[in-house]
Amino acid sequence: MPYANKTQVSEDRSRAEIERQLRRFGADAFGYYSNGNEAKIAFEYRRIHCQMSVPLPDRNDPVFTHTPISGKRRSQSQAMADWEREVRRRWRSLCLVVKALLVGVQDGVLSFEQAFMPYIVMADGATIYQHALPHIRHALSTGQMPGTLKQLEALPAEAAK
């Protein structure tokens, strides 16, 4: 069963909890936004900008619009209630991830950079994760390991797909 499957905690409360955790840790800026398929939080800690996202479910996914066994169409209100429950659950998961990373940093298990490296925003607005993933996939699929970060940048974008 997925984490927080039956949560009644609203996404607003989860966002507020994330913000409280980050501010208590020392973050001095916080924001969020969402569109139809993704929600993001952004924060700044000691002049390091970070951004984390959570994919939002598609409202029209049959998992919400149809019953699992018979495949019959659900009422619009039931489909919306199930979709909202999944959105709440995902926000709770993000809250747990942030809390776990902050505990690891506070307890000295990880440095801030180790814990939040994938989420650090670079000068071009993309996160380290977004920059590195294609190159990591390329290295894993070819067995060729770049020796330096400069070599990562030199890999052709199409080779990383």
Protein backbone atom coordinates (compact mmCIF):
# COMPACT_ATOMS: atom_id res chain seq x y z
CA MET A 1 0.00 0.00 0.00
CA PRO A 2 1.45 3.42 -0.93
CA TYR A 3 2.64 5.77 1.79
CA ALA A 4 -0.13 8.03 3.22
CA ASN A 5 -2.74 6.29 1.06
CA LYS A 6 -5.60 7.33 3.30
CA THR A 7 -4.35 10.74 4.40
CA GLN A 8 -6.84 13.49 5.09
CA VAL A 9 -4.09 16.11 5.35
CA SER A 10 -4.71 18.77 2.72
CA GLU A 11 -2.05 19.72 0.22
CA ASP A 12 -2.07 23.21 1.78
CA ARG A 13 -1.17 21.77 5.18
CA SER A 14 1.56 19.61 3.66
CA ARG A 15 3.05 22.63 1.87
CA ALA A 16 2.90 24.65 5.09
CA GLU A 17 4.62 21.83 6.95
CA ILE A 18 7.38 21.66 4.32
CA GLU A 19 7.87 25.42 4.58
CA ARG A 20 8.01 25.26 8.41
CA GLN A 21 10.60 22.47 8.28
CA LEU A 22 12.76 24.38 5.81
CA ARG A 23 12.51 27.67 7.70
CA ARG A 24 13.34 25.94 11.00
CA PHE A 25 16.39 24.46 9.27
CA GLY A 26 17.47 27.92 8.08
CA ALA A 27 16.02 28.37 4.61
CA ASP A 28 15.30 32.03 4.07
CA ALA A 29 13.01 31.86 1.05
CA PHE A 30 10.23 29.48 0.05
CA GLY A 31 7.69 29.29 -2.74
CA TYR A 32 5.61 26.85 -4.72
CA TYR A 33 3.56 26.59 -7.85
CA SER A 34 1.59 23.97 -9.65
CA ASN A 35 0.14 23.33 -13.06
CA GLY A 36 -1.98 20.46 -14.29
CA ASN A 37 0.68 17.78 -14.14
CA GLU A 38 3.33 18.93 -11.68
CA ALA A 39 3.80 20.83 -8.46
CA LYS A 40 7.10 22.39 -7.40
CA ILE A 41 8.55 23.84 -4.26
CA ALA A 42 11.54 26.14 -4.34
CA PHE A 43 13.66 27.39 -1.50
CA GLU A 44 16.95 29.08 -0.78
CA TYR A 45 19.42 28.00 1.87
CA ARG A 46 22.65 29.96 2.35
CA ARG A 47 22.33 31.38 -1.17
CA ILE A 48 21.83 27.91 -2.66
CA HIS A 49 18.63 27.76 -4.69
CA CYS A 50 16.82 24.42 -4.69
CA GLN A 51 13.75 23.15 -6.47
CA MET A 52 11.87 19.90 -5.94
CA SER A 53 8.93 18.69 -7.95
CA VAL A 54 6.19 16.16 -7.49
CA PRO A 55 4.35 14.78 -10.50
CA LEU A 56 0.61 15.19 -10.21
CA PRO A 57 -1.72 12.49 -11.47
CA ASP A 58 -3.77 12.94 -14.63
CA ARG A 59 -7.38 13.63 -13.68
CA ASN A 60 -8.51 11.60 -16.70
CA ASP A 61 -6.48 8.52 -15.83
CA PRO A 62 -8.77 5.46 -15.80
CA VAL A 63 -7.53 4.64 -12.30
CA PHE A 64 -9.73 7.58 -11.18
CA THR A 65 -12.48 7.55 -13.80
CA HIS A 66 -13.26 3.81 -13.79
CA THR A 67 -13.71 1.11 -11.17
CA PRO A 68 -10.74 -1.26 -10.91
CA ILE A 69 -12.54 -4.59 -11.27
CA SER A 70 -15.52 -4.00 -13.53
CA GLY A 71 -14.12 -1.04 -15.43
CA LYS A 72 -17.38 0.86 -15.09
CA ARG A 73 -17.26 4.63 -15.30
CA ARG A 74 -17.29 6.36 -11.91
CA SER A 75 -19.30 9.47 -11.18
CA GLN A 76 -17.44 12.72 -11.75
CA SER A 77 -17.55 13.50 -8.03
CA GLN A 78 -16.09 10.10 -7.10
CA ALA A 79 -13.37 10.40 -9.74
CA MET A 80 -12.50 13.88 -8.43
CA ALA A 81 -12.45 12.65 -4.82
CA ASP A 82 -10.06 9.82 -5.73
CA TRP A 83 -7.84 12.19 -7.72
CA GLU A 84 -7.73 14.69 -4.83
CA ARG A 85 -6.81 11.87 -2.43
CA GLU A 86 -3.87 10.94 -4.67
CA VAL A 87 -2.72 14.57 -4.84
CA ARG A 88 -2.83 14.77 -1.02
CA ARG A 89 -0.87 11.53 -0.79
CA ARG A 90 1.86 12.78 -3.11
CA TRP A 91 2.24 16.02 -1.15
CA ARG A 92 2.59 13.96 2.04
CA SER A 93 5.31 11.91 0.34
CA LEU A 94 7.18 15.07 -0.66
CA CYS A 95 6.86 16.31 2.92
CA LEU A 96 8.37 13.06 4.20
CA VAL A 97 11.28 13.25 1.72
CA VAL A 98 12.11 16.83 2.73
CA LYS A 99 11.91 15.96 6.41
CA ALA A 100 14.13 12.90 5.99
CA LEU A 101 16.77 14.86 4.10
CA LEU A 102 16.76 17.64 6.70
CA VAL A 103 17.08 15.12 9.56
CA GLY A 104 20.05 13.55 7.75
CA VAL A 105 21.70 16.96 7.46
CA GLN A 106 20.91 17.99 11.04
CA ASP A 107 22.28 14.71 12.40
CA GLY A 108 25.49 15.00 10.40
CA VAL A 109 24.79 11.94 8.27
CA LEU A 110 24.83 14.09 5.11
CA SER A 111 26.00 17.55 4.22
CA PHE A 112 23.37 19.88 2.81
CA GLU A 113 24.99 19.56 -0.62
CA GLN A 114 24.95 15.75 -0.46
CA ALA A 115 21.30 15.65 0.56
CA PHE A 116 19.98 18.26 -1.83
CA MET A 117 22.44 18.06 -4.73
CA PRO A 118 19.93 16.79 -7.30
CA TYR A 119 17.66 19.72 -6.49
CA ILE A 120 20.24 22.55 -6.62
CA VAL A 121 19.33 25.01 -9.36
CA MET A 122 22.14 26.04 -11.69
CA ALA A 123 22.54 29.42 -13.39
CA ASP A 124 20.50 28.30 -16.41
CA GLY A 125 17.48 27.41 -14.22
CA ALA A 126 17.87 23.64 -14.54
CA THR A 127 18.68 21.42 -11.57
CA ILE A 128 21.82 19.34 -11.24
CA TYR A 129 19.60 16.27 -11.65
CA GLN A 130 18.28 17.58 -14.97
CA HIS A 131 21.83 18.25 -16.18
CA ALA A 132 23.35 15.00 -14.98
CA LEU A 133 20.72 12.35 -15.70
CA PRO A 134 21.21 12.10 -19.47
CA HIS A 135 24.97 11.77 -18.99
CA ILE A 136 24.57 9.19 -16.26
CA ARG A 137 22.27 7.15 -18.50
CA HIS A 138 24.80 7.40 -21.32
CA ALA A 139 27.63 6.25 -19.05
CA LEU A 140 25.57 3.35 -17.73
CA SER A 141 24.48 2.19 -21.17
CA THR A 142 27.92 2.47 -22.81
CA GLY A 143 30.16 1.67 -19.86
CA GLN A 144 32.16 4.79 -20.68
CA MET A 145 32.69 6.97 -17.65
CA PRO A 146 33.50 10.64 -18.18
CA GLY A 147 36.60 11.62 -16.22
CA THR A 148 35.57 15.17 -15.32
CA LEU A 149 32.52 17.38 -15.23
CA LYS A 150 33.86 19.17 -18.32
CA GLN A 151 33.66 15.86 -20.16
CA LEU A 152 30.06 15.49 -19.01
CA GLU A 153 29.29 18.81 -20.65
CA ALA A 154 31.03 17.70 -23.85
CA LEU A 155 28.85 14.65 -24.38
CA PRO A 156 26.44 15.25 -27.25
CA ALA A 157 22.87 15.60 -26.06
CA GLU A 158 21.64 12.91 -28.47
CA ALA A 159 24.11 10.41 -27.00
CA ALA A 160 22.51 10.86 -23.61
CA LYS A 161 19.07 9.69 -24.77
